[in-house]
Amino acid sequence: MHLLENINYSGPLIGLMAFFAIGLFHPIVVKIEYHFGRRVWLALLFIGLTLLGFSVFLSNILATIVGVFGAGLIWSSFEVRWQHQRVLKGQAKRNPNRKYGDEQN
């Protein structure tokens, strides 16, 4: 019993939250690019930076979880732009209802 009292669960919890954030943000990036294009990257960056800034005022584990999600949003802001490039190259699905800048008129 003494061994179980000294276990620190924050490492596995943070790892699971990072795994969850990666799994959550990947399909969100694909859907955001499909519906809105790359123009929302700045909003994702702003929200991510805000969460990172807010995390410094929270307690240890909550600060880490909010920081992980903030960093995930910051990464997603770059990933939306990269996803847009993949769409233009034909490596990802295009939204047929949206105009892309690479089309010839």
PDB file of N, CA and C in Angstrom:
ATOM      1  N   MET A   1       0.808  -1.207   0.000  1.00  0.00           N
ATOM      2  CA  MET A   1       0.000   0.000   0.000  1.00  0.00           C
ATOM      3  C   MET A   1       0.849   1.268   0.000  1.00  0.00           C
ATOM      4  N   HIS A   2       1.977   1.225   0.671  1.00  0.00           N
ATOM      5  CA  HIS A   2       2.830   2.404   0.738  1.00  0.00           C
ATOM      6  C   HIS A   2       3.322   2.810  -0.648  1.00  0.00           C
ATOM      7  N   LEU A   3       3.567   1.853  -1.513  1.00  0.00           N
ATOM      8  CA  LEU A   3       4.030   2.129  -2.868  1.00  0.00           C
ATOM      9  C   LEU A   3       2.991   2.909  -3.662  1.00  0.00           C
ATOM     10  N   LEU A   4       1.727   2.584  -3.533  1.00  0.00           N
ATOM     11  CA  LEU A   4       0.664   3.262  -4.275  1.00  0.00           C
ATOM     12  C   LEU A   4       0.442   4.697  -3.813  1.00  0.00           C
ATOM     13  N   GLU A   5       0.807   4.999  -2.577  1.00  0.00           N
ATOM     14  CA  GLU A   5       0.634   6.356  -2.062  1.00  0.00           C
ATOM     15  C   GLU A   5       1.644   7.331  -2.665  1.00  0.00           C
ATOM     16  N   ASN A   6       2.770   6.837  -3.136  1.00  0.00           N
ATOM     17  CA  ASN A   6       3.831   7.697  -3.647  1.00  0.00           C
ATOM     18  C   ASN A   6       3.850   7.800  -5.170  1.00  0.00           C
ATOM     19  N   ILE A   7       2.860   7.253  -5.833  1.00  0.00           N
ATOM     20  CA  ILE A   7       2.831   7.286  -7.297  1.00  0.00           C
ATOM     21  C   ILE A   7       2.347   8.652  -7.768  1.00  0.00           C
ATOM     22  N   ASN A   8       3.037   9.189  -8.746  1.00  0.00           N
ATOM     23  CA  ASN A   8       2.661  10.470  -9.342  1.00  0.00           C
ATOM     24  C   ASN A   8       1.913  10.178 -10.640  1.00  0.00           C
ATOM     25  N   TYR A   9       0.648  10.506 -10.675  1.00  0.00           N
ATOM     26  CA  TYR A   9      -0.187  10.210 -11.838  1.00  0.00           C
ATOM     27  C   TYR A   9      -0.185  11.329 -12.880  1.00  0.00           C
ATOM     28  N   SER A  10       0.518  12.408 -12.621  1.00  0.00           N
ATOM     29  CA  SER A  10       0.471  13.537 -13.549  1.00  0.00           C
ATOM     30  C   SER A  10       1.117  13.210 -14.893  1.00  0.00           C
ATOM     31  N   GLY A  11       2.198  12.437 -14.911  1.00  0.00           N
ATOM     32  CA  GLY A  11       2.854  12.086 -16.170  1.00  0.00           C
ATOM     33  C   GLY A  11       1.940  11.320 -17.115  1.00  0.00           C
ATOM     34  N   PRO A  12       1.356  10.212 -16.642  1.00  0.00           N
ATOM     35  CA  PRO A  12       0.430   9.497 -17.524  1.00  0.00           C
ATOM     36  C   PRO A  12      -0.790  10.328 -17.922  1.00  0.00           C
ATOM     37  N   LEU A  13      -1.279  11.162 -17.020  1.00  0.00           N
ATOM     38  CA  LEU A  13      -2.432  12.001 -17.337  1.00  0.00           C
ATOM     39  C   LEU A  13      -2.087  13.015 -18.424  1.00  0.00           C
ATOM     40  N   ILE A  14      -0.930  13.629 -18.311  1.00  0.00           N
ATOM     41  CA  ILE A  14      -0.492  14.593 -19.321  1.00  0.00           C
ATOM     42  C   ILE A  14      -0.273  13.892 -20.659  1.00  0.00           C
ATOM     43  N   GLY A  15       0.329  12.711 -20.627  1.00  0.00           N
ATOM     44  CA  GLY A  15       0.520  11.946 -21.849  1.00  0.00           C
ATOM     45  C   GLY A  15      -0.796  11.599 -22.518  1.00  0.00           C
ATOM     46  N   LEU A  16      -1.775  11.176 -21.737  1.00  0.00           N
ATOM     47  CA  LEU A  16      -3.093  10.865 -22.289  1.00  0.00           C
ATOM     48  C   LEU A  16      -3.772  12.105 -22.855  1.00  0.00           C
ATOM     49  N   MET A  17      -3.631  13.230 -22.178  1.00  0.00           N
ATOM     50  CA  MET A  17      -4.243  14.469 -22.678  1.00  0.00           C
ATOM     51  C   MET A  17      -3.575  14.914 -23.980  1.00  0.00           C
ATOM     52  N   ALA A  18      -2.263  14.762 -24.076  1.00  0.00           N
ATOM     53  CA  ALA A  18      -1.572  15.111 -25.322  1.00  0.00           C
ATOM     54  C   ALA A  18      -2.022  14.180 -26.447  1.00  0.00           C
ATOM     55  N   PHE A  19      -2.141  12.894 -26.154  1.00  0.00           N
ATOM     56  CA  PHE A  19      -2.616  11.926 -27.140  1.00  0.00           C
ATOM     57  C   PHE A  19      -4.036  12.268 -27.582  1.00  0.00           C
ATOM     58  N   PHE A  20      -4.892  12.626 -26.628  1.00  0.00           N
ATOM     59  CA  PHE A  20      -6.268  13.011 -26.926  1.00  0.00           C
ATOM     60  C   PHE A  20      -6.301  14.286 -27.772  1.00  0.00           C
ATOM     61  N   ALA A  21      -5.469  15.263 -27.439  1.00  0.00           N
ATOM     62  CA  ALA A  21      -5.443  16.527 -28.178  1.00  0.00           C
ATOM     63  C   ALA A  21      -5.013  16.302 -29.624  1.00  0.00           C
ATOM     64  N   ILE A  22      -4.003  15.473 -29.835  1.00  0.00           N
ATOM     65  CA  ILE A  22      -3.543  15.176 -31.196  1.00  0.00           C
ATOM     66  C   ILE A  22      -4.656  14.499 -31.979  1.00  0.00           C
ATOM     67  N   GLY A  23      -5.294  13.519 -31.362  1.00  0.00           N
ATOM     68  CA  GLY A  23      -6.387  12.818 -32.023  1.00  0.00           C
ATOM     69  C   GLY A  23      -7.588  13.699 -32.288  1.00  0.00           C
ATOM     70  N   LEU A  24      -7.809  14.673 -31.441  1.00  0.00           N
ATOM     71  CA  LEU A  24      -8.929  15.599 -31.601  1.00  0.00           C
ATOM     72  C   LEU A  24      -8.646  16.636 -32.679  1.00  0.00           C
ATOM     73  N   PHE A  25      -7.449  17.193 -32.674  1.00  0.00           N
ATOM     74  CA  PHE A  25      -7.144  18.305 -33.571  1.00  0.00           C
ATOM     75  C   PHE A  25      -6.937  17.875 -35.021  1.00  0.00           C
ATOM     76  N   HIS A  26      -6.495  16.639 -35.262  1.00  0.00           N
ATOM     77  CA  HIS A  26      -6.274  16.231 -36.650  1.00  0.00           C
ATOM     78  C   HIS A  26      -7.554  16.287 -37.488  1.00  0.00           C
ATOM     79  N   PRO A  27      -8.650  15.659 -37.076  1.00  0.00           N
ATOM     80  CA  PRO A  27      -9.863  15.766 -37.900  1.00  0.00           C
ATOM     81  C   PRO A  27     -10.451  17.174 -37.907  1.00  0.00           C
ATOM     82  N   ILE A  28     -10.227  17.918 -36.847  1.00  0.00           N
ATOM     83  CA  ILE A  28     -10.721  19.302 -36.813  1.00  0.00           C
ATOM     84  C   ILE A  28     -10.013  20.128 -37.877  1.00  0.00           C
ATOM     85  N   VAL A  29      -8.718  19.953 -38.018  1.00  0.00           N
ATOM     86  CA  VAL A  29      -7.951  20.688 -39.035  1.00  0.00           C
ATOM     87  C   VAL A  29      -8.480  20.363 -40.425  1.00  0.00           C
ATOM     88  N   VAL A  30      -8.733  19.090 -40.689  1.00  0.00           N
ATOM     89  CA  VAL A  30      -9.228  18.684 -42.008  1.00  0.00           C
ATOM     90  C   VAL A  30     -10.586  19.321 -42.280  1.00  0.00           C
ATOM     91  N   LYS A  31     -11.477  19.285 -41.299  1.00  0.00           N
ATOM     92  CA  LYS A  31     -12.814  19.863 -41.475  1.00  0.00           C
ATOM     93  C   LYS A  31     -12.768  21.384 -41.606  1.00  0.00           C
ATOM     94  N   ILE A  32     -11.915  22.027 -40.817  1.00  0.00           N
ATOM     95  CA  ILE A  32     -11.802  23.488 -40.885  1.00  0.00           C
ATOM     96  C   ILE A  32     -11.328  23.906 -42.274  1.00  0.00           C
ATOM     97  N   GLU A  33     -10.300  23.233 -42.778  1.00  0.00           N
ATOM     98  CA  GLU A  33      -9.804  23.598 -44.106  1.00  0.00           C
ATOM     99  C   GLU A  33     -10.857  23.330 -45.168  1.00  0.00           C
ATOM    100  N   TYR A  34     -11.583  22.241 -45.048  1.00  0.00           N
ATOM    101  CA  TYR A  34     -12.597  21.884 -46.043  1.00  0.00           C
ATOM    102  C   TYR A  34     -13.706  22.938 -46.080  1.00  0.00           C
ATOM    103  N   HIS A  35     -14.163  23.380 -44.921  1.00  0.00           N
ATOM    104  CA  HIS A  35     -15.299  24.304 -44.865  1.00  0.00           C
ATOM    105  C   HIS A  35     -14.903  25.785 -44.950  1.00  0.00           C
ATOM    106  N   PHE A  36     -13.751  26.142 -44.396  1.00  0.00           N
ATOM    107  CA  PHE A  36     -13.393  27.560 -44.302  1.00  0.00           C
ATOM    108  C   PHE A  36     -12.119  27.926 -45.039  1.00  0.00           C
ATOM    109  N   GLY A  37     -11.328  26.959 -45.440  1.00  0.00           N
ATOM    110  CA  GLY A  37     -10.048  27.259 -46.064  1.00  0.00           C
ATOM    111  C   GLY A  37      -9.003  27.607 -45.022  1.00  0.00           C
ATOM    112  N   ARG A  38      -7.954  28.230 -45.476  1.00  0.00           N
ATOM    113  CA  ARG A  38      -6.846  28.540 -44.561  1.00  0.00           C
ATOM    114  C   ARG A  38      -7.032  29.849 -43.806  1.00  0.00           C
ATOM    115  N   ARG A  39      -8.087  30.573 -44.102  1.00  0.00           N
ATOM    116  CA  ARG A  39      -8.238  31.920 -43.531  1.00  0.00           C
ATOM    117  C   ARG A  39      -8.469  31.937 -42.022  1.00  0.00           C
ATOM    118  N   VAL A  40      -8.754  30.798 -41.404  1.00  0.00           N
ATOM    119  CA  VAL A  40      -8.994  30.776 -39.958  1.00  0.00           C
ATOM    120  C   VAL A  40      -7.734  30.464 -39.156  1.00  0.00           C
ATOM    121  N   TRP A  41      -6.595  30.362 -39.823  1.00  0.00           N
ATOM    122  CA  TRP A  41      -5.375  29.999 -39.112  1.00  0.00           C
ATOM    123  C   TRP A  41      -5.028  31.010 -38.031  1.00  0.00           C
ATOM    124  N   LEU A  42      -5.294  32.270 -38.283  1.00  0.00           N
ATOM    125  CA  LEU A  42      -4.959  33.301 -37.309  1.00  0.00           C
ATOM    126  C   LEU A  42      -5.825  33.185 -36.053  1.00  0.00           C
ATOM    127  N   ALA A  43      -7.084  32.810 -36.207  1.00  0.00           N
ATOM    128  CA  ALA A  43      -7.964  32.607 -35.048  1.00  0.00           C
ATOM    129  C   ALA A  43      -7.463  31.439 -34.203  1.00  0.00           C
ATOM    130  N   LEU A  44      -7.051  30.356 -34.850  1.00  0.00           N
ATOM    131  CA  LEU A  44      -6.509  29.217 -34.109  1.00  0.00           C
ATOM    132  C   LEU A  44      -5.247  29.607 -33.350  1.00  0.00           C
ATOM    133  N   LEU A  45      -4.391  30.374 -34.007  1.00  0.00           N
ATOM    134  CA  LEU A  45      -3.165  30.840 -33.358  1.00  0.00           C
ATOM    135  C   LEU A  45      -3.481  31.715 -32.155  1.00  0.00           C
ATOM    136  N   PHE A  46      -4.418  32.635 -32.307  1.00  0.00           N
ATOM    137  CA  PHE A  46      -4.789  33.529 -31.215  1.00  0.00           C
ATOM    138  C   PHE A  46      -5.372  32.753 -30.028  1.00  0.00           C
ATOM    139  N   ILE A  47      -6.272  31.832 -30.295  1.00  0.00           N
ATOM    140  CA  ILE A  47      -6.872  31.035 -29.209  1.00  0.00           C
ATOM    141  C   ILE A  47      -5.809  30.199 -28.522  1.00  0.00           C
ATOM    142  N   GLY A  48      -4.907  29.608 -29.306  1.00  0.00           N
ATOM    143  CA  GLY A  48      -3.830  28.815 -28.721  1.00  0.00           C
ATOM    144  C   GLY A  48      -2.906  29.634 -27.842  1.00  0.00           C
ATOM    145  N   LEU A  49      -2.520  30.811 -28.315  1.00  0.00           N
ATOM    146  CA  LEU A  49      -1.667  31.693 -27.501  1.00  0.00           C
ATOM    147  C   LEU A  49      -2.395  32.162 -26.245  1.00  0.00           C
ATOM    148  N   THR A  50      -3.687  32.418 -26.369  1.00  0.00           N
ATOM    149  CA  THR A  50      -4.484  32.823 -25.206  1.00  0.00           C
ATOM    150  C   THR A  50      -4.522  31.710 -24.160  1.00  0.00           C
ATOM    151  N   LEU A  51      -4.748  30.471 -24.611  1.00  0.00           N
ATOM    152  CA  LEU A  51      -4.750  29.350 -23.669  1.00  0.00           C
ATOM    153  C   LEU A  51      -3.392  29.165 -23.015  1.00  0.00           C
ATOM    154  N   LEU A  52      -2.322  29.309 -23.788  1.00  0.00           N
ATOM    155  CA  LEU A  52      -0.986  29.203 -23.192  1.00  0.00           C
ATOM    156  C   LEU A  52      -0.761  30.295 -22.155  1.00  0.00           C
ATOM    157  N   GLY A  53      -1.169  31.505 -22.481  1.00  0.00           N
ATOM    158  CA  GLY A  53      -1.029  32.597 -21.518  1.00  0.00           C
ATOM    159  C   GLY A  53      -1.875  32.389 -20.278  1.00  0.00           C
ATOM    160  N   PHE A  54      -3.081  31.877 -20.468  1.00  0.00           N
ATOM    161  CA  PHE A  54      -3.986  31.625 -19.344  1.00  0.00           C
ATOM    162  C   PHE A  54      -3.469  30.499 -18.458  1.00  0.00           C
ATOM    163  N   SER A  55      -2.736  29.562 -19.050  1.00  0.00           N
ATOM    164  CA  SER A  55      -2.268  28.397 -18.289  1.00  0.00           C
ATOM    165  C   SER A  55      -1.291  28.764 -17.182  1.00  0.00           C
ATOM    166  N   VAL A  56      -0.619  29.892 -17.299  1.00  0.00           N
ATOM    167  CA  VAL A  56       0.346  30.264 -16.254  1.00  0.00           C
ATOM    168  C   VAL A  56      -0.339  30.665 -14.951  1.00  0.00           C
ATOM    169  N   PHE A  57      -1.639  30.904 -14.992  1.00  0.00           N
ATOM    170  CA  PHE A  57      -2.367  31.294 -13.797  1.00  0.00           C
ATOM    171  C   PHE A  57      -3.112  30.131 -13.143  1.00  0.00           C
ATOM    172  N   LEU A  58      -2.945  28.927 -13.665  1.00  0.00           N
ATOM    173  CA  LEU A  58      -3.672  27.764 -13.161  1.00  0.00           C
ATOM    174  C   LEU A  58      -2.769  26.878 -12.325  1.00  0.00           C
ATOM    175  N   SER A  59      -3.375  25.922 -11.628  1.00  0.00           N
ATOM    176  CA  SER A  59      -2.595  24.979 -10.825  1.00  0.00           C
ATOM    177  C   SER A  59      -1.879  23.988 -11.733  1.00  0.00           C
ATOM    178  N   ASN A  60      -0.982  23.217 -11.171  1.00  0.00           N
ATOM    179  CA  ASN A  60      -0.054  22.371 -11.922  1.00  0.00           C
ATOM    180  C   ASN A  60      -0.696  21.542 -13.023  1.00  0.00           C
ATOM    181  N   ILE A  61      -1.544  20.604 -12.667  1.00  0.00           N
ATOM    182  CA  ILE A  61      -2.050  19.666 -13.664  1.00  0.00           C
ATOM    183  C   ILE A  61      -2.996  20.354 -14.634  1.00  0.00           C
ATOM    184  N   LEU A  62      -3.842  21.244 -14.134  1.00  0.00           N
ATOM    185  CA  LEU A  62      -4.769  21.964 -15.008  1.00  0.00           C
ATOM    186  C   LEU A  62      -4.005  22.892 -15.944  1.00  0.00           C
ATOM    187  N   ALA A  63      -2.951  23.515 -15.438  1.00  0.00           N
ATOM    188  CA  ALA A  63      -2.120  24.383 -16.276  1.00  0.00           C
ATOM    189  C   ALA A  63      -1.482  23.588 -17.405  1.00  0.00           C
ATOM    190  N   THR A  64      -1.040  22.394 -17.105  1.00  0.00           N
ATOM    191  CA  THR A  64      -0.411  21.566 -18.113  1.00  0.00           C
ATOM    192  C   THR A  64      -1.415  21.135 -19.171  1.00  0.00           C
ATOM    193  N   ILE A  65      -2.600  20.741 -18.753  1.00  0.00           N
ATOM    194  CA  ILE A  65      -3.630  20.308 -19.696  1.00  0.00           C
ATOM    195  C   ILE A  65      -4.044  21.467 -20.601  1.00  0.00           C
ATOM    196  N   VAL A  66      -4.266  22.645 -20.021  1.00  0.00           N
ATOM    197  CA  VAL A  66      -4.634  23.817 -20.825  1.00  0.00           C
ATOM    198  C   VAL A  66      -3.475  24.191 -21.750  1.00  0.00           C
ATOM    199  N   GLY A  67      -2.248  24.075 -21.265  1.00  0.00           N
ATOM    200  CA  GLY A  67      -1.081  24.345 -22.097  1.00  0.00           C
ATOM    201  C   GLY A  67      -0.957  23.383 -23.264  1.00  0.00           C
ATOM    202  N   VAL A  68      -1.251  22.109 -23.024  1.00  0.00           N
ATOM    203  CA  VAL A  68      -1.208  21.111 -24.104  1.00  0.00           C
ATOM    204  C   VAL A  68      -2.232  21.455 -25.179  1.00  0.00           C
ATOM    205  N   PHE A  69      -3.442  21.822 -24.764  1.00  0.00           N
ATOM    206  CA  PHE A  69      -4.458  22.182 -25.746  1.00  0.00           C
ATOM    207  C   PHE A  69      -4.116  23.498 -26.452  1.00  0.00           C
ATOM    208  N   GLY A  70      -3.518  24.439 -25.742  1.00  0.00           N
ATOM    209  CA  GLY A  70      -3.071  25.676 -26.372  1.00  0.00           C
ATOM    210  C   GLY A  70      -2.004  25.411 -27.426  1.00  0.00           C
ATOM    211  N   ALA A  71      -1.029  24.560 -27.076  1.00  0.00           N
ATOM    212  CA  ALA A  71       0.015  24.210 -28.035  1.00  0.00           C
ATOM    213  C   ALA A  71      -0.574  23.446 -29.219  1.00  0.00           C
ATOM    214  N   GLY A  72      -1.575  22.612 -28.954  1.00  0.00           N
ATOM    215  CA  GLY A  72      -2.250  21.893 -30.031  1.00  0.00           C
ATOM    216  C   GLY A  72      -2.945  22.836 -30.996  1.00  0.00           C
ATOM    217  N   LEU A  73      -3.547  23.880 -30.463  1.00  0.00           N
ATOM    218  CA  LEU A  73      -4.195  24.864 -31.330  1.00  0.00           C
ATOM    219  C   LEU A  73      -3.172  25.678 -32.119  1.00  0.00           C
ATOM    220  N   ILE A  74      -2.063  25.990 -31.501  1.00  0.00           N
ATOM    221  CA  ILE A  74      -1.013  26.709 -32.214  1.00  0.00           C
ATOM    222  C   ILE A  74      -0.490  25.843 -33.363  1.00  0.00           C
ATOM    223  N   TRP A  75      -0.240  24.573 -33.088  1.00  0.00           N
ATOM    224  CA  TRP A  75       0.207  23.672 -34.137  1.00  0.00           C
ATOM    225  C   TRP A  75      -0.860  23.556 -35.225  1.00  0.00           C
ATOM    226  N   SER A  76      -2.120  23.511 -34.827  1.00  0.00           N
ATOM    227  CA  SER A  76      -3.214  23.404 -35.801  1.00  0.00           C
ATOM    228  C   SER A  76      -3.288  24.623 -36.702  1.00  0.00           C
ATOM    229  N   SER A  77      -2.898  25.788 -36.191  1.00  0.00           N
ATOM    230  CA  SER A  77      -2.909  26.985 -37.033  1.00  0.00           C
ATOM    231  C   SER A  77      -1.936  26.837 -38.197  1.00  0.00           C
ATOM    232  N   PHE A  78      -0.794  26.192 -37.951  1.00  0.00           N
ATOM    233  CA  PHE A  78       0.145  25.907 -39.035  1.00  0.00           C
ATOM    234  C   PHE A  78      -0.367  24.766 -39.907  1.00  0.00           C
ATOM    235  N   GLU A  79      -0.946  23.763 -39.273  1.00  0.00           N
ATOM    236  CA  GLU A  79      -1.403  22.579 -39.994  1.00  0.00           C
ATOM    237  C   GLU A  79      -2.537  22.903 -40.962  1.00  0.00           C
ATOM    238  N   VAL A  80      -3.389  23.871 -40.640  1.00  0.00           N
ATOM    239  CA  VAL A  80      -4.465  24.271 -41.558  1.00  0.00           C
ATOM    240  C   VAL A  80      -3.860  24.808 -42.852  1.00  0.00           C
ATOM    241  N   ARG A  81      -2.804  25.576 -42.738  1.00  0.00           N
ATOM    242  CA  ARG A  81      -2.152  26.108 -43.939  1.00  0.00           C
ATOM    243  C   ARG A  81      -1.488  24.999 -44.743  1.00  0.00           C
ATOM    244  N   TRP A  82      -0.876  24.031 -44.053  1.00  0.00           N
ATOM    245  CA  TRP A  82      -0.271  22.901 -44.748  1.00  0.00           C
ATOM    246  C   TRP A  82      -1.338  22.017 -45.388  1.00  0.00           C
ATOM    247  N   GLN A  83      -2.470  21.861 -44.697  1.00  0.00           N
ATOM    248  CA  GLN A  83      -3.580  21.083 -45.259  1.00  0.00           C
ATOM    249  C   GLN A  83      -4.086  21.742 -46.539  1.00  0.00           C
ATOM    250  N   HIS A  84      -4.133  23.065 -46.542  1.00  0.00           N
ATOM    251  CA  HIS A  84      -4.560  23.787 -47.737  1.00  0.00           C
ATOM    252  C   HIS A  84      -3.607  23.493 -48.901  1.00  0.00           C
ATOM    253  N   GLN A  85      -2.331  23.439 -48.629  1.00  0.00           N
ATOM    254  CA  GLN A  85      -1.356  23.105 -49.680  1.00  0.00           C
ATOM    255  C   GLN A  85      -1.566  21.682 -50.182  1.00  0.00           C
ATOM    256  N   ARG A  86      -1.889  20.756 -49.265  1.00  0.00           N
ATOM    257  CA  ARG A  86      -2.166  19.382 -49.680  1.00  0.00           C
ATOM    258  C   ARG A  86      -3.404  19.322 -50.569  1.00  0.00           C
ATOM    259  N   VAL A  87      -4.404  20.143 -50.265  1.00  0.00           N
ATOM    260  CA  VAL A  87      -5.613  20.201 -51.094  1.00  0.00           C
ATOM    261  C   VAL A  87      -5.250  20.705 -52.491  1.00  0.00           C
ATOM    262  N   LEU A  88      -4.461  21.756 -52.558  1.00  0.00           N
ATOM    263  CA  LEU A  88      -4.079  22.314 -53.858  1.00  0.00           C
ATOM    264  C   LEU A  88      -3.275  21.318 -54.696  1.00  0.00           C
ATOM    265  N   LYS A  89      -2.499  20.467 -54.041  1.00  0.00           N
ATOM    266  CA  LYS A  89      -1.707  19.459 -54.745  1.00  0.00           C
ATOM    267  C   LYS A  89      -2.525  18.216 -55.094  1.00  0.00           C
ATOM    268  N   GLY A  90      -3.770  18.153 -54.624  1.00  0.00           N
ATOM    269  CA  GLY A  90      -4.602  16.994 -54.903  1.00  0.00           C
ATOM    270  C   GLY A  90      -4.407  15.849 -53.926  1.00  0.00           C
ATOM    271  N   GLN A  91      -3.720  16.089 -52.824  1.00  0.00           N
ATOM    272  CA  GLN A  91      -3.464  15.052 -51.828  1.00  0.00           C
ATOM    273  C   GLN A  91      -4.565  14.964 -50.783  1.00  0.00           C
ATOM    274  N   ALA A  92      -5.490  15.924 -50.777  1.00  0.00           N
ATOM    275  CA  ALA A  92      -6.607  15.936 -49.831  1.00  0.00           C
ATOM    276  C   ALA A  92      -7.854  16.396 -50.579  1.00  0.00           C
ATOM    277  N   LYS A  93      -8.984  16.129 -49.989  1.00  0.00           N
ATOM    278  CA  LYS A  93     -10.272  16.389 -50.641  1.00  0.00           C
ATOM    279  C   LYS A  93     -10.576  17.880 -50.730  1.00  0.00           C
ATOM    280  N   ARG A  94     -11.014  18.299 -51.919  1.00  0.00           N
ATOM    281  CA  ARG A  94     -11.443  19.683 -52.144  1.00  0.00           C
ATOM    282  C   ARG A  94     -12.921  19.824 -51.815  1.00  0.00           C
ATOM    283  N   ASN A  95     -13.288  20.998 -51.379  1.00  0.00           N
ATOM    284  CA  ASN A  95     -14.691  21.340 -51.199  1.00  0.00           C
ATOM    285  C   ASN A  95     -15.199  21.845 -52.545  1.00  0.00           C
ATOM    286  N   PRO A  96     -16.151  21.143 -53.179  1.00  0.00           N
ATOM    287  CA  PRO A  96     -16.609  21.564 -54.508  1.00  0.00           C
ATOM    288  C   PRO A  96     -17.387  22.881 -54.483  1.00  0.00           C
ATOM    289  N   ASN A  97     -17.809  23.322 -53.330  1.00  0.00           N
ATOM    290  CA  ASN A  97     -18.581  24.559 -53.213  1.00  0.00           C
ATOM    291  C   ASN A  97     -17.708  25.783 -52.958  1.00  0.00           C
ATOM    292  N   ARG A  98     -16.403  25.604 -52.950  1.00  0.00           N
ATOM    293  CA  ARG A  98     -15.494  26.710 -52.649  1.00  0.00           C
ATOM    294  C   ARG A  98     -14.543  26.921 -53.810  1.00  0.00           C
ATOM    295  N   LYS A  99     -14.190  28.167 -54.057  1.00  0.00           N
ATOM    296  CA  LYS A  99     -13.210  28.479 -55.103  1.00  0.00           C
ATOM    297  C   LYS A  99     -11.816  28.460 -54.484  1.00  0.00           C
ATOM    298  N   TYR A 100     -10.881  27.944 -55.261  1.00  0.00           N
ATOM    299  CA  TYR A 100      -9.479  27.902 -54.864  1.00  0.00           C
ATOM    300  C   TYR A 100      -8.704  28.817 -55.788  1.00  0.00           C
ATOM    301  N   GLY A 101      -7.626  29.384 -55.313  1.00  0.00           N
ATOM    302  CA  GLY A 101      -6.845  30.335 -56.082  1.00  0.00           C
ATOM    303  C   GLY A 101      -6.061  29.750 -57.224  1.00  0.00           C
ATOM    304  N   ASP A 102      -5.929  28.416 -57.280  1.00  0.00           N
ATOM    305  CA  ASP A 102      -5.126  27.795 -58.327  1.00  0.00           C
ATOM    306  C   ASP A 102      -5.937  27.478 -59.580  1.00  0.00           C
ATOM    307  N   GLU A 103      -7.228  27.734 -59.584  1.00  0.00           N
ATOM    308  CA  GLU A 103      -8.071  27.366 -60.722  1.00  0.00           C
ATOM    309  C   GLU A 103      -7.934  28.383 -61.846  1.00  0.00           C
ATOM    310  N   GLN A 104      -7.940  27.893 -63.073  1.00  0.00           N
ATOM    311  CA  GLN A 104      -7.880  28.770 -64.239  1.00  0.00           C
ATOM    312  C   GLN A 104      -9.296  29.129 -64.664  1.00  0.00           C
ATOM    313  N   ASN A 105      -9.558  30.393 -64.943  1.00  0.00           N
ATOM    314  CA  ASN A 105     -10.896  30.821 -65.376  1.00  0.00           C
ATOM    315  C   ASN A 105     -10.985  30.886 -66.873  1.00  0.00           C
TER     316      ASN A 105
END
